[in-house]
Amino acid sequence: MALIPTTILTGFLGAGKTTLLNRMLREPHGHKIAVIENEFGQENIDNEILVQESNEQIVEMNNGCICCTVRGDLIVALETLGRKRDEGELQFDHVVIETTGVANPGPVAQTFFMDDAVASRYLLDAIITVVDTRHAMQQLDEHEEAQRQVGFADRILLSKTDLVDAAQTETLIARLRRINPRATIGRTEFGKVPVSEVLDLRGFNLNDKLEIDPAFLAEEEHEHHDCDEHCDHDHHDHHHAHHSDGIAAFAFKSDRPFDVAKLDEFLGSLVQVYGPRMLRYKGVLWMEGADRKVVFQGVHQMMGTDIGAKWSDSEPRGSKMVFIGKNLPKDIFIRGLEQCLV
């Protein structure tokens, strides 16, 4: 039985999640979407597209979509939708979970790895984070939840770009890339975005590609530069652009292979000690004696590995890893990984 792809839609209060979701549900894209509203209040998706029944948990929408309001357990909601689909009561080929504006997407993502019944039926396709371009800098400064939502994202969609100038948008994009260099960044105007940019991304799946922004890696190498009176930077712009986010990313690269046993032991200890602070991590690894790439990724304490494509004769072998988390001790991670190399 094919797994049902599931998208987690997140973003801070007022970013435009519901506007995007409404547009997705109205578009004639051929998908039958079940929506889970992971909200605590009584208000659901806009009344104009939702038939409100106060005593019903699952309701039909005007586009043939289904909405399920979760005030309790997400696992129960997913199992209920799956059962009704099996029994022919509901028809859908994709699930979208919309979280609250102040939610941490981590526990929602972990559901797809920790619960066997969910994992056997659903595939976590991607985490989409909508970012309010006008207010994001302040929200990232003041709210860890906003940083977490960016840190977990596979794809970031900027909303309200028409309300700021190009320079402000570019400053925000640079900050988002420092927090999460592995997420792709797009834009949405009043919720309008091609469905191909939000559904069936397979962004969360294990694969043999790890896209790390080259500018991010260059910035990593120069991040310890200290300005002095001889520095020719524009000091205002230099300091204004670099915010000290609690959620941040760093990368590790090496052109030497890993010792399998040493790396297994070290990664296990990292997850045990720092797992709750490790939001997302992913890598393509060169292991000693292996002719195939090894891909690993995880969320908090849930870590998995998979065998990737064969190393081709023409490509240079090496490892690339990125870690996104809250106040992670970069030096401990880097030094430990270096000690695992052959």
C-alpha atoms as a PDB file:
ATOM      1  CA  MET A   1       0.000   0.000   0.000  1.00  0.00           C
ATOM      2  CA  ALA A   2       1.452   3.351  -1.075  1.00  0.00           C
ATOM      3  CA  LEU A   3       2.166   5.776   1.756  1.00  0.00           C
ATOM      4  CA  ILE A   4       0.097   8.960   1.898  1.00  0.00           C
ATOM      5  CA  PRO A   5       2.347  12.032   1.529  1.00  0.00           C
ATOM      6  CA  THR A   6       1.847  14.547   4.339  1.00  0.00           C
ATOM      7  CA  THR A   7       2.882  18.196   4.476  1.00  0.00           C
ATOM      8  CA  ILE A   8       3.328  20.164   7.705  1.00  0.00           C
ATOM      9  CA  LEU A   9       2.411  23.820   7.137  1.00  0.00           C
ATOM     10  CA  THR A  10       3.812  26.140   9.780  1.00  0.00           C
ATOM     11  CA  GLY A  11       4.719  29.785  10.281  1.00  0.00           C
ATOM     12  CA  PHE A  12       4.392  32.456  12.940  1.00  0.00           C
ATOM     13  CA  LEU A  13       1.130  34.228  13.812  1.00  0.00           C
ATOM     14  CA  GLY A  14      -0.165  36.245  10.871  1.00  0.00           C
ATOM     15  CA  ALA A  15       2.388  34.950   8.375  1.00  0.00           C
ATOM     16  CA  GLY A  16      -0.290  33.813   5.930  1.00  0.00           C
ATOM     17  CA  LYS A  17      -0.577  30.051   6.490  1.00  0.00           C
ATOM     18  CA  THR A  18      -4.352  29.961   6.227  1.00  0.00           C
ATOM     19  CA  THR A  19      -4.329  32.247   3.160  1.00  0.00           C
ATOM     20  CA  LEU A  20      -1.923  29.840   1.470  1.00  0.00           C
ATOM     21  CA  LEU A  21      -3.969  26.815   2.531  1.00  0.00           C
ATOM     22  CA  ASN A  22      -7.215  28.375   1.289  1.00  0.00           C
ATOM     23  CA  ARG A  23      -5.613  29.026  -2.082  1.00  0.00           C
ATOM     24  CA  MET A  24      -4.285  25.457  -2.244  1.00  0.00           C
ATOM     25  CA  LEU A  25      -7.751  24.080  -1.554  1.00  0.00           C
ATOM     26  CA  ARG A  26      -9.433  26.263  -4.197  1.00  0.00           C
ATOM     27  CA  GLU A  27      -6.966  25.609  -7.017  1.00  0.00           C
ATOM     28  CA  PRO A  28      -8.033  22.970  -9.579  1.00  0.00           C
ATOM     29  CA  HIS A  29      -4.821  20.960  -9.207  1.00  0.00           C
ATOM     30  CA  GLY A  30      -6.388  17.507  -9.150  1.00  0.00           C
ATOM     31  CA  HIS A  31      -5.232  16.610  -5.630  1.00  0.00           C
ATOM     32  CA  LYS A  32      -7.725  15.482  -3.015  1.00  0.00           C
ATOM     33  CA  ILE A  33      -6.376  16.967   0.201  1.00  0.00           C
ATOM     34  CA  ALA A  34      -7.251  16.123   3.777  1.00  0.00           C
ATOM     35  CA  VAL A  35      -6.468  19.004   6.139  1.00  0.00           C
ATOM     36  CA  ILE A  36      -5.692  18.602   9.818  1.00  0.00           C
ATOM     37  CA  GLU A  37      -6.027  21.826  11.747  1.00  0.00           C
ATOM     38  CA  ASN A  38      -3.747  21.453  14.743  1.00  0.00           C
ATOM     39  CA  GLU A  39      -5.488  24.279  16.598  1.00  0.00           C
ATOM     40  CA  PHE A  40      -6.784  24.639  20.125  1.00  0.00           C
ATOM     41  CA  GLY A  41      -9.450  27.280  19.513  1.00  0.00           C
ATOM     42  CA  GLN A  42     -12.883  26.965  17.969  1.00  0.00           C
ATOM     43  CA  GLU A  43     -12.034  28.813  14.747  1.00  0.00           C
ATOM     44  CA  ASN A  44     -11.094  26.726  11.755  1.00  0.00           C
ATOM     45  CA  ILE A  45     -10.340  27.566   8.172  1.00  0.00           C
ATOM     46  CA  ASP A  46     -12.374  30.500   6.786  1.00  0.00           C
ATOM     47  CA  ASN A  47     -16.112  29.927   7.053  1.00  0.00           C
ATOM     48  CA  GLU A  48     -16.574  30.628   3.366  1.00  0.00           C
ATOM     49  CA  ILE A  49     -14.836  27.353   2.445  1.00  0.00           C
ATOM     50  CA  LEU A  50     -15.602  25.297   5.522  1.00  0.00           C
ATOM     51  CA  VAL A  51     -18.942  23.862   6.582  1.00  0.00           C
ATOM     52  CA  GLN A  52     -18.791  24.423  10.333  1.00  0.00           C
ATOM     53  CA  GLU A  53     -20.368  21.739  12.477  1.00  0.00           C
ATOM     54  CA  SER A  54     -19.560  22.257  16.124  1.00  0.00           C
ATOM     55  CA  ASN A  55     -20.143  18.594  17.009  1.00  0.00           C
ATOM     56  CA  GLU A  56     -18.202  17.166  14.040  1.00  0.00           C
ATOM     57  CA  GLN A  57     -14.480  16.621  14.041  1.00  0.00           C
ATOM     58  CA  ILE A  58     -14.231  15.865  10.323  1.00  0.00           C
ATOM     59  CA  VAL A  59     -16.064  18.040   7.793  1.00  0.00           C
ATOM     60  CA  GLU A  60     -16.223  18.264   3.999  1.00  0.00           C
ATOM     61  CA  MET A  61     -15.069  21.379   2.143  1.00  0.00           C
ATOM     62  CA  ASN A  62     -16.400  22.810  -1.088  1.00  0.00           C
ATOM     63  CA  ASN A  63     -13.382  21.604  -3.096  1.00  0.00           C
ATOM     64  CA  GLY A  64     -13.884  17.971  -2.138  1.00  0.00           C
ATOM     65  CA  CYS A  65     -11.335  18.382   0.625  1.00  0.00           C
ATOM     66  CA  ILE A  66     -11.672  17.220   4.197  1.00  0.00           C
ATOM     67  CA  CYS A  67     -10.894  19.099   7.374  1.00  0.00           C
ATOM     68  CA  CYS A  68     -10.176  17.535  10.736  1.00  0.00           C
ATOM     69  CA  THR A  69      -9.807  19.803  13.757  1.00  0.00           C
ATOM     70  CA  VAL A  70      -7.383  18.412  16.325  1.00  0.00           C
ATOM     71  CA  ARG A  71      -7.890  19.469  19.909  1.00  0.00           C
ATOM     72  CA  GLY A  72      -6.381  16.262  21.200  1.00  0.00           C
ATOM     73  CA  ASP A  73      -4.029  13.702  19.716  1.00  0.00           C
ATOM     74  CA  LEU A  74      -2.572  14.033  16.233  1.00  0.00           C
ATOM     75  CA  ILE A  75      -2.020  10.274  16.034  1.00  0.00           C
ATOM     76  CA  VAL A  76      -5.724   9.626  16.670  1.00  0.00           C
ATOM     77  CA  ALA A  77      -6.663  12.112  13.955  1.00  0.00           C
ATOM     78  CA  LEU A  78      -4.340  10.500  11.404  1.00  0.00           C
ATOM     79  CA  GLU A  79      -5.582   7.024  12.285  1.00  0.00           C
ATOM     80  CA  THR A  80      -9.211   8.184  12.013  1.00  0.00           C
ATOM     81  CA  LEU A  81      -8.629   9.704   8.580  1.00  0.00           C
ATOM     82  CA  GLY A  82      -6.831   6.551   7.447  1.00  0.00           C
ATOM     83  CA  ARG A  83      -9.591   4.272   8.661  1.00  0.00           C
ATOM     84  CA  LYS A  84     -12.316   6.325   6.971  1.00  0.00           C
ATOM     85  CA  ARG A  85     -10.264   6.295   3.768  1.00  0.00           C
ATOM     86  CA  ASP A  86      -9.952   2.500   3.946  1.00  0.00           C
ATOM     87  CA  GLU A  87     -13.684   2.159   4.485  1.00  0.00           C
ATOM     88  CA  GLY A  88     -14.478   4.398   1.516  1.00  0.00           C
ATOM     89  CA  GLU A  89     -16.041   7.176   3.597  1.00  0.00           C
ATOM     90  CA  LEU A  90     -13.349   9.683   2.627  1.00  0.00           C
ATOM     91  CA  GLN A  91     -11.204  10.100  -0.472  1.00  0.00           C
ATOM     92  CA  PHE A  92      -7.865  11.901  -0.335  1.00  0.00           C
ATOM     93  CA  ASP A  93      -4.362  11.444  -1.680  1.00  0.00           C
ATOM     94  CA  HIS A  94      -2.467  14.012   0.406  1.00  0.00           C
ATOM     95  CA  VAL A  95      -2.641  15.358   3.962  1.00  0.00           C
ATOM     96  CA  VAL A  96      -1.760  18.901   5.049  1.00  0.00           C
ATOM     97  CA  ILE A  97      -1.314  19.593   8.770  1.00  0.00           C
ATOM     98  CA  GLU A  98      -1.606  23.293   9.629  1.00  0.00           C
ATOM     99  CA  THR A  99      -0.035  24.078  13.003  1.00  0.00           C
ATOM    100  CA  THR A 100      -0.786  26.989  15.300  1.00  0.00           C
ATOM    101  CA  GLY A 101       1.226  30.166  14.816  1.00  0.00           C
ATOM    102  CA  VAL A 102       3.250  29.586  17.974  1.00  0.00           C
ATOM    103  CA  ALA A 103       3.755  25.834  17.536  1.00  0.00           C
ATOM    104  CA  ASN A 104       7.073  24.005  17.536  1.00  0.00           C
ATOM    105  CA  PRO A 105       6.884  21.720  14.451  1.00  0.00           C
ATOM    106  CA  GLY A 106       9.305  19.216  16.018  1.00  0.00           C
ATOM    107  CA  PRO A 107       6.813  17.030  17.903  1.00  0.00           C
ATOM    108  CA  VAL A 108       4.510  16.972  14.852  1.00  0.00           C
ATOM    109  CA  ALA A 109       7.389  15.778  12.643  1.00  0.00           C
ATOM    110  CA  GLN A 110       8.486  13.193  15.208  1.00  0.00           C
ATOM    111  CA  THR A 111       5.009  11.620  15.108  1.00  0.00           C
ATOM    112  CA  PHE A 112       5.853  10.190  11.683  1.00  0.00           C
ATOM    113  CA  PHE A 113       8.881   8.314  13.040  1.00  0.00           C
ATOM    114  CA  MET A 114       7.811   7.365  16.568  1.00  0.00           C
ATOM    115  CA  ASP A 115       4.392   5.834  15.927  1.00  0.00           C
ATOM    116  CA  ASP A 116       4.446   2.591  13.935  1.00  0.00           C
ATOM    117  CA  ALA A 117       0.811   2.856  12.821  1.00  0.00           C
ATOM    118  CA  VAL A 118       1.401   6.365  11.443  1.00  0.00           C
ATOM    119  CA  ALA A 119       4.756   5.436   9.859  1.00  0.00           C
ATOM    120  CA  SER A 120       3.203   2.442   8.092  1.00  0.00           C
ATOM    121  CA  ARG A 121       0.535   4.603   6.429  1.00  0.00           C
ATOM    122  CA  TYR A 122       1.921   8.154   6.046  1.00  0.00           C
ATOM    123  CA  LEU A 123       5.081   9.664   4.545  1.00  0.00           C
ATOM    124  CA  LEU A 124       6.297  13.015   5.849  1.00  0.00           C
ATOM    125  CA  ASP A 125       6.708  14.856   2.542  1.00  0.00           C
ATOM    126  CA  ALA A 126       8.014  18.236   3.713  1.00  0.00           C
ATOM    127  CA  ILE A 127       7.748  20.998   6.299  1.00  0.00           C
ATOM    128  CA  ILE A 128       6.666  24.275   4.681  1.00  0.00           C
ATOM    129  CA  THR A 129       7.221  27.461   6.711  1.00  0.00           C
ATOM    130  CA  VAL A 130       5.527  30.732   5.728  1.00  0.00           C
ATOM    131  CA  VAL A 131       7.533  33.790   6.810  1.00  0.00           C
ATOM    132  CA  ASP A 132       6.023  37.287   7.105  1.00  0.00           C
ATOM    133  CA  THR A 133       8.682  39.394   5.349  1.00  0.00           C
ATOM    134  CA  ARG A 134       7.516  42.614   6.979  1.00  0.00           C
ATOM    135  CA  HIS A 135       7.594  41.397  10.592  1.00  0.00           C
ATOM    136  CA  ALA A 136       9.986  38.419  10.483  1.00  0.00           C
ATOM    137  CA  MET A 137      13.117  40.184  11.768  1.00  0.00           C
ATOM    138  CA  GLN A 138      11.323  41.271  14.939  1.00  0.00           C
ATOM    139  CA  GLN A 139       9.605  37.905  15.360  1.00  0.00           C
ATOM    140  CA  LEU A 140      12.928  36.068  15.016  1.00  0.00           C
ATOM    141  CA  ASP A 141      14.480  38.431  17.584  1.00  0.00           C
ATOM    142  CA  GLU A 142      11.708  37.972  20.132  1.00  0.00           C
ATOM    143  CA  HIS A 143      10.273  34.468  19.666  1.00  0.00           C
ATOM    144  CA  GLU A 144      12.159  31.187  19.726  1.00  0.00           C
ATOM    145  CA  GLU A 145       9.130  29.527  18.111  1.00  0.00           C
ATOM    146  CA  ALA A 146       9.682  31.624  14.985  1.00  0.00           C
ATOM    147  CA  GLN A 147      13.321  30.495  14.870  1.00  0.00           C
ATOM    148  CA  ARG A 148      12.301  26.858  15.341  1.00  0.00           C
ATOM    149  CA  GLN A 149       9.777  27.075  12.504  1.00  0.00           C
ATOM    150  CA  VAL A 150      12.518  28.322  10.185  1.00  0.00           C
ATOM    151  CA  GLY A 151      15.000  25.766  11.499  1.00  0.00           C
ATOM    152  CA  PHE A 152      12.708  22.821  10.765  1.00  0.00           C
ATOM    153  CA  ALA A 153      11.706  23.978   7.281  1.00  0.00           C
ATOM    154  CA  ASP A 154      12.382  22.074   4.082  1.00  0.00           C
ATOM    155  CA  ARG A 155      10.915  24.989   2.119  1.00  0.00           C
ATOM    156  CA  ILE A 156      10.423  28.611   3.219  1.00  0.00           C
ATOM    157  CA  LEU A 157       7.830  30.817   1.515  1.00  0.00           C
ATOM    158  CA  LEU A 158       8.138  34.586   1.982  1.00  0.00           C
ATOM    159  CA  SER A 159       4.823  36.425   2.226  1.00  0.00           C
ATOM    160  CA  LYS A 160       4.124  40.187   2.142  1.00  0.00           C
ATOM    161  CA  THR A 161       7.264  40.980   0.151  1.00  0.00           C
ATOM    162  CA  ASP A 162       5.313  43.835  -1.459  1.00  0.00           C
ATOM    163  CA  LEU A 163       5.337  45.657   1.894  1.00  0.00           C
ATOM    164  CA  VAL A 164       9.131  45.990   2.154  1.00  0.00           C
ATOM    165  CA  ASP A 165      11.924  47.071  -0.174  1.00  0.00           C
ATOM    166  CA  ALA A 166      14.337  44.729  -1.917  1.00  0.00           C
ATOM    167  CA  ALA A 167      17.196  45.438   0.501  1.00  0.00           C
ATOM    168  CA  GLN A 168      15.081  44.431   3.532  1.00  0.00           C
ATOM    169  CA  THR A 169      14.035  41.238   1.785  1.00  0.00           C
ATOM    170  CA  GLU A 170      17.637  40.323   0.967  1.00  0.00           C
ATOM    171  CA  THR A 171      18.727  41.005   4.572  1.00  0.00           C
ATOM    172  CA  LEU A 172      15.978  38.682   5.806  1.00  0.00           C
ATOM    173  CA  ILE A 173      16.899  35.972   3.283  1.00  0.00           C
ATOM    174  CA  ALA A 174      20.532  36.109   4.439  1.00  0.00           C
ATOM    175  CA  ARG A 175      19.403  35.626   8.047  1.00  0.00           C
ATOM    176  CA  LEU A 176      17.086  32.760   7.143  1.00  0.00           C
ATOM    177  CA  ARG A 177      19.949  31.039   5.335  1.00  0.00           C
ATOM    178  CA  ARG A 178      22.176  31.379   8.364  1.00  0.00           C
ATOM    179  CA  ILE A 179      19.492  29.735  10.509  1.00  0.00           C
ATOM    180  CA  ASN A 180      18.686  27.040   7.938  1.00  0.00           C
ATOM    181  CA  PRO A 181      20.978  26.691   4.905  1.00  0.00           C
ATOM    182  CA  ARG A 182      19.292  23.521   3.647  1.00  0.00           C
ATOM    183  CA  ALA A 183      15.786  24.953   3.068  1.00  0.00           C
ATOM    184  CA  THR A 184      14.850  26.312  -0.348  1.00  0.00           C
ATOM    185  CA  ILE A 185      13.328  29.809  -0.304  1.00  0.00           C
ATOM    186  CA  GLY A 186      10.436  30.969  -2.481  1.00  0.00           C
ATOM    187  CA  ARG A 187       7.766  33.667  -2.403  1.00  0.00           C
ATOM    188  CA  THR A 188       3.997  33.725  -2.189  1.00  0.00           C
ATOM    189  CA  GLU A 189       1.680  36.637  -2.944  1.00  0.00           C
ATOM    190  CA  PHE A 190      -1.690  36.455  -1.192  1.00  0.00           C
ATOM    191  CA  GLY A 191      -1.281  32.703  -0.894  1.00  0.00           C
ATOM    192  CA  LYS A 192      -0.625  32.198  -4.592  1.00  0.00           C
ATOM    193  CA  VAL A 193       2.063  29.630  -5.274  1.00  0.00           C
ATOM    194  CA  PRO A 194       2.290  26.739  -7.774  1.00  0.00           C
ATOM    195  CA  VAL A 195       1.104  23.537  -6.134  1.00  0.00           C
ATOM    196  CA  SER A 196       4.329  21.887  -7.327  1.00  0.00           C
ATOM    197  CA  GLU A 197       6.200  24.135  -4.856  1.00  0.00           C
ATOM    198  CA  VAL A 198       4.273  22.900  -1.819  1.00  0.00           C
ATOM    199  CA  LEU A 199       3.108  19.322  -2.502  1.00  0.00           C
ATOM    200  CA  ASP A 200       5.074  16.187  -3.417  1.00  0.00           C
ATOM    201  CA  LEU A 201       8.425  17.839  -2.663  1.00  0.00           C
ATOM    202  CA  ARG A 202       9.874  14.737  -0.971  1.00  0.00           C
ATOM    203  CA  GLY A 203      11.911  17.272   0.947  1.00  0.00           C
ATOM    204  CA  PHE A 204      12.024  15.210   4.115  1.00  0.00           C
ATOM    205  CA  ASN A 205      12.983  11.961   2.452  1.00  0.00           C
ATOM    206  CA  LEU A 206      16.406  10.418   2.681  1.00  0.00           C
ATOM    207  CA  ASN A 207      18.229  11.018  -0.579  1.00  0.00           C
ATOM    208  CA  ASP A 208      21.795  11.346  -1.765  1.00  0.00           C
ATOM    209  CA  LYS A 209      21.722  15.126  -2.207  1.00  0.00           C
ATOM    210  CA  LEU A 210      22.580  17.681   0.413  1.00  0.00           C
ATOM    211  CA  GLU A 211      22.193  21.232  -0.781  1.00  0.00           C
ATOM    212  CA  ILE A 212      24.235  23.571   1.366  1.00  0.00           C
ATOM    213  CA  ASP A 213      24.424  27.161   0.203  1.00  0.00           C
ATOM    214  CA  PRO A 214      28.034  27.888  -0.894  1.00  0.00           C
ATOM    215  CA  ALA A 215      27.834  31.401   0.570  1.00  0.00           C
ATOM    216  CA  PHE A 216      26.864  29.860   3.898  1.00  0.00           C
ATOM    217  CA  LEU A 217      29.972  27.695   3.899  1.00  0.00           C
ATOM    218  CA  ALA A 218      32.142  30.690   3.016  1.00  0.00           C
ATOM    219  CA  GLU A 219      30.567  32.598   5.879  1.00  0.00           C
ATOM    220  CA  GLU A 220      31.323  29.690   8.209  1.00  0.00           C
ATOM    221  CA  GLU A 221      35.017  29.930   7.368  1.00  0.00           C
ATOM    222  CA  HIS A 222      35.178  33.656   8.129  1.00  0.00           C
ATOM    223  CA  GLU A 223      32.794  33.915  11.035  1.00  0.00           C
ATOM    224  CA  HIS A 224      35.522  34.456  13.653  1.00  0.00           C
ATOM    225  CA  HIS A 225      36.720  37.688  12.002  1.00  0.00           C
ATOM    226  CA  ASP A 226      36.783  40.557  14.490  1.00  0.00           C
ATOM    227  CA  CYS A 227      36.364  44.128  13.359  1.00  0.00           C
ATOM    228  CA  ASP A 228      38.870  46.747  14.508  1.00  0.00           C
ATOM    229  CA  GLU A 229      39.607  50.363  13.631  1.00  0.00           C
ATOM    230  CA  HIS A 230      41.343  49.240  10.413  1.00  0.00           C
ATOM    231  CA  CYS A 231      38.323  47.253   9.225  1.00  0.00           C
ATOM    232  CA  ASP A 232      36.801  48.680   6.048  1.00  0.00           C
ATOM    233  CA  HIS A 233      33.302  47.248   6.638  1.00  0.00           C
ATOM    234  CA  ASP A 234      30.351  49.534   6.898  1.00  0.00           C
ATOM    235  CA  HIS A 235      29.941  48.979  10.636  1.00  0.00           C
ATOM    236  CA  HIS A 236      26.243  49.799  10.770  1.00  0.00           C
ATOM    237  CA  ASP A 237      25.303  47.324   8.058  1.00  0.00           C
ATOM    238  CA  HIS A 238      27.750  44.709   9.315  1.00  0.00           C
ATOM    239  CA  HIS A 239      26.351  44.594  12.810  1.00  0.00           C
ATOM    240  CA  HIS A 240      22.761  45.225  11.851  1.00  0.00           C
ATOM    241  CA  ALA A 241      22.726  42.229   9.497  1.00  0.00           C
ATOM    242  CA  HIS A 242      24.084  39.706  11.994  1.00  0.00           C
ATOM    243  CA  HIS A 243      21.568  38.781  14.663  1.00  0.00           C
ATOM    244  CA  SER A 244      22.481  36.320  17.379  1.00  0.00           C
ATOM    245  CA  ASP A 245      19.771  33.731  16.885  1.00  0.00           C
ATOM    246  CA  GLY A 246      19.462  30.951  19.457  1.00  0.00           C
ATOM    247  CA  ILE A 247      18.496  28.662  16.570  1.00  0.00           C
ATOM    248  CA  ALA A 248      21.409  28.487  14.141  1.00  0.00           C
ATOM    249  CA  ALA A 249      23.145  26.170  11.708  1.00  0.00           C
ATOM    250  CA  PHE A 250      26.675  25.054  11.040  1.00  0.00           C
ATOM    251  CA  ALA A 251      28.244  22.719   8.512  1.00  0.00           C
ATOM    252  CA  PHE A 252      30.985  20.093   8.509  1.00  0.00           C
ATOM    253  CA  LYS A 253      32.932  19.062   5.409  1.00  0.00           C
ATOM    254  CA  SER A 254      35.788  16.622   4.959  1.00  0.00           C
ATOM    255  CA  ASP A 255      37.573  14.922   2.076  1.00  0.00           C
ATOM    256  CA  ARG A 256      38.664  12.035   4.314  1.00  0.00           C
ATOM    257  CA  PRO A 257      36.454   8.978   4.967  1.00  0.00           C
ATOM    258  CA  PHE A 258      34.796   8.220   8.295  1.00  0.00           C
ATOM    259  CA  ASP A 259      35.591   5.232  10.489  1.00  0.00           C
ATOM    260  CA  VAL A 260      32.159   3.552  10.693  1.00  0.00           C
ATOM    261  CA  ALA A 261      32.372   2.354  14.310  1.00  0.00           C
ATOM    262  CA  LYS A 262      33.773   5.641  15.629  1.00  0.00           C
ATOM    263  CA  LEU A 263      31.134   7.713  13.825  1.00  0.00           C
ATOM    264  CA  ASP A 264      28.271   5.505  15.004  1.00  0.00           C
ATOM    265  CA  GLU A 265      29.413   5.845  18.595  1.00  0.00           C
ATOM    266  CA  PHE A 266      29.941   9.606  18.376  1.00  0.00           C
ATOM    267  CA  LEU A 267      26.623  10.384  16.646  1.00  0.00           C
ATOM    268  CA  GLY A 268      24.841   8.204  19.203  1.00  0.00           C
ATOM    269  CA  SER A 269      26.386  10.162  22.050  1.00  0.00           C
ATOM    270  CA  LEU A 270      25.532  13.493  20.390  1.00  0.00           C
ATOM    271  CA  VAL A 271      21.886  12.531  20.051  1.00  0.00           C
ATOM    272  CA  GLN A 272      21.768  11.287  23.628  1.00  0.00           C
ATOM    273  CA  VAL A 273      23.199  14.507  25.071  1.00  0.00           C
ATOM    274  CA  TYR A 274      22.005  17.204  22.670  1.00  0.00           C
ATOM    275  CA  GLY A 275      19.013  15.525  20.974  1.00  0.00           C
ATOM    276  CA  PRO A 276      16.353  17.835  22.441  1.00  0.00           C
ATOM    277  CA  ARG A 277      18.275  20.846  21.066  1.00  0.00           C
ATOM    278  CA  MET A 278      19.004  19.311  17.643  1.00  0.00           C
ATOM    279  CA  LEU A 279      16.154  20.448  15.404  1.00  0.00           C
ATOM    280  CA  ARG A 280      17.240  19.038  12.056  1.00  0.00           C
ATOM    281  CA  TYR A 281      20.422  17.440  10.812  1.00  0.00           C
ATOM    282  CA  LYS A 282      21.310  15.811   7.551  1.00  0.00           C
ATOM    283  CA  GLY A 283      24.370  14.627   5.703  1.00  0.00           C
ATOM    284  CA  VAL A 284      25.949  12.694   2.862  1.00  0.00           C
ATOM    285  CA  LEU A 285      28.849  10.630   4.203  1.00  0.00           C
ATOM    286  CA  TRP A 286      31.919   8.904   2.787  1.00  0.00           C
ATOM    287  CA  MET A 287      32.535   5.784   4.841  1.00  0.00           C
ATOM    288  CA  GLU A 288      35.776   3.829   4.734  1.00  0.00           C
ATOM    289  CA  GLY A 289      35.614   0.899   2.335  1.00  0.00           C
ATOM    290  CA  ALA A 290      32.139   1.788   0.993  1.00  0.00           C
ATOM    291  CA  ASP A 291      31.460   2.279  -2.711  1.00  0.00           C
ATOM    292  CA  ARG A 292      28.108   3.942  -1.982  1.00  0.00           C
ATOM    293  CA  LYS A 293      27.222   7.156  -0.216  1.00  0.00           C
ATOM    294  CA  VAL A 294      25.612   6.916   3.212  1.00  0.00           C
ATOM    295  CA  VAL A 295      22.830   9.391   3.901  1.00  0.00           C
ATOM    296  CA  PHE A 296      21.733  10.285   7.394  1.00  0.00           C
ATOM    297  CA  GLN A 297      19.195  12.701   8.824  1.00  0.00           C
ATOM    298  CA  GLY A 298      17.219  13.224  11.981  1.00  0.00           C
ATOM    299  CA  VAL A 299      14.874  15.259  14.126  1.00  0.00           C
ATOM    300  CA  HIS A 300      15.782  15.606  17.798  1.00  0.00           C
ATOM    301  CA  GLN A 301      16.587  12.090  19.065  1.00  0.00           C
ATOM    302  CA  MET A 302      15.188  10.316  16.005  1.00  0.00           C
ATOM    303  CA  MET A 303      18.088   9.556  13.642  1.00  0.00           C
ATOM    304  CA  GLY A 304      18.099   7.346  10.577  1.00  0.00           C
ATOM    305  CA  THR A 305      20.571   6.298   7.872  1.00  0.00           C
ATOM    306  CA  ASP A 306      20.142   4.983   4.362  1.00  0.00           C
ATOM    307  CA  ILE A 307      22.355   3.778   1.524  1.00  0.00           C
ATOM    308  CA  GLY A 308      22.590   6.337  -1.269  1.00  0.00           C
ATOM    309  CA  ALA A 309      23.883   6.252  -4.830  1.00  0.00           C
ATOM    310  CA  LYS A 310      27.246   4.833  -5.864  1.00  0.00           C
ATOM    311  CA  TRP A 311      30.200   7.164  -5.881  1.00  0.00           C
ATOM    312  CA  SER A 312      30.998   7.874  -9.520  1.00  0.00           C
ATOM    313  CA  ASP A 313      34.578   7.697 -10.743  1.00  0.00           C
ATOM    314  CA  SER A 314      34.526  11.365 -11.732  1.00  0.00           C
ATOM    315  CA  GLU A 315      33.233  12.925  -8.502  1.00  0.00           C
ATOM    316  CA  PRO A 316      35.478  13.769  -5.553  1.00  0.00           C
ATOM    317  CA  ARG A 317      34.586  11.732  -2.485  1.00  0.00           C
ATOM    318  CA  GLY A 318      33.873  13.472   0.786  1.00  0.00           C
ATOM    319  CA  SER A 319      31.323  14.148   3.512  1.00  0.00           C
ATOM    320  CA  LYS A 320      28.965  17.097   3.938  1.00  0.00           C
ATOM    321  CA  MET A 321      26.815  17.547   7.040  1.00  0.00           C
ATOM    322  CA  VAL A 322      24.630  20.327   8.379  1.00  0.00           C
ATOM    323  CA  PHE A 323      23.260  20.677  11.904  1.00  0.00           C
ATOM    324  CA  ILE A 324      20.451  23.050  12.888  1.00  0.00           C
ATOM    325  CA  GLY A 325      19.685  23.490  16.563  1.00  0.00           C
ATOM    326  CA  LYS A 326      19.422  25.638  19.646  1.00  0.00           C
ATOM    327  CA  ASN A 327      22.724  26.786  21.163  1.00  0.00           C
ATOM    328  CA  LEU A 328      24.598  23.711  19.962  1.00  0.00           C
ATOM    329  CA  PRO A 329      28.322  23.607  20.893  1.00  0.00           C
ATOM    330  CA  LYS A 330      29.745  23.745  17.383  1.00  0.00           C
ATOM    331  CA  ASP A 331      33.338  23.142  18.508  1.00  0.00           C
ATOM    332  CA  ILE A 332      32.395  19.878  20.272  1.00  0.00           C
ATOM    333  CA  PHE A 333      30.556  18.635  17.172  1.00  0.00           C
ATOM    334  CA  ILE A 334      33.351  19.591  14.758  1.00  0.00           C
ATOM    335  CA  ARG A 335      36.215  18.266  16.905  1.00  0.00           C
ATOM    336  CA  GLY A 336      34.358  15.027  17.583  1.00  0.00           C
ATOM    337  CA  LEU A 337      33.589  14.459  13.891  1.00  0.00           C
ATOM    338  CA  GLU A 338      37.216  15.133  12.983  1.00  0.00           C
ATOM    339  CA  GLN A 339      38.291  12.444  15.460  1.00  0.00           C
ATOM    340  CA  CYS A 340      36.010   9.948  13.652  1.00  0.00           C
ATOM    341  CA  LEU A 341      37.857  10.360  10.357  1.00  0.00           C
ATOM    342  CA  VAL A 342      40.245   7.677   9.124  1.00  0.00           C
END
